[in-house]
Amino acid sequence: MGGAPSGWHTGRCGPAEVLNRVALQAHAASLAAYAAPAVPVLSPTMRPLTAYLVEDSPLIQAELIATLEELLPLQVLGAADNEAAALLWLGQAGHAVDLVIVDIFLKGGSGLGVLRAAQHLRAQVDPRRHWVVLSNYATPDIRRSCLELGADRIFDKSREIEDLIQYCEGLVQTLPGPH
């Protein structure tokens, strides 16, 4: 991914972040046991999925990026821990990605604010971008709000990592060929 994007932070992690990290590692380990090759082989007519991550925890950012890039033909092109940094990066025409993964609670702003702005970004920058929410707070009300704001899917961090990976596998199959 290159150097640390603007919006990254360092610091000590709390118990919830440690639990999320352990959960991501456990999901990755269980999925790796089932995978024949760690990363599916792309045919010459396919290209990897590109993604942008909006997540406030640097530990979860690192673990999620490592998990997705290990298990999928996917490349994370950038990440932010707050709404403003995410919207700045995503609003630039040269920053095309296939998938944006958004957490609800961020260091500044919220994932709901990112999704609200995504309605404009879809029309102005890239209408083919897929928007998913990955949150520990995937309650029925949050899911409904996210769908109303244009999220394609909502996944619970603690229980639906495998579903997110399957969703991404499906996206890879639908991508147009190499640029």
Foldseek 3Di string as FASTA:
>chain_A
DPDAAPAADDDDDDPVLVVLLVLLVVVLVVVCVVDPQQEDDDDQFFAAFEEEEAAADPSNVVSVQVSLVRRYSYHYPHYHQEQVSVCVQLQDQVNDGQEYEFEADGPYDGSLVNLLCVVVCCVPHNVNHAYEYEYCPCDVVVQVSSVVSPHPYYHYSNPCPVVVSVVSVVVRVVDGGDD
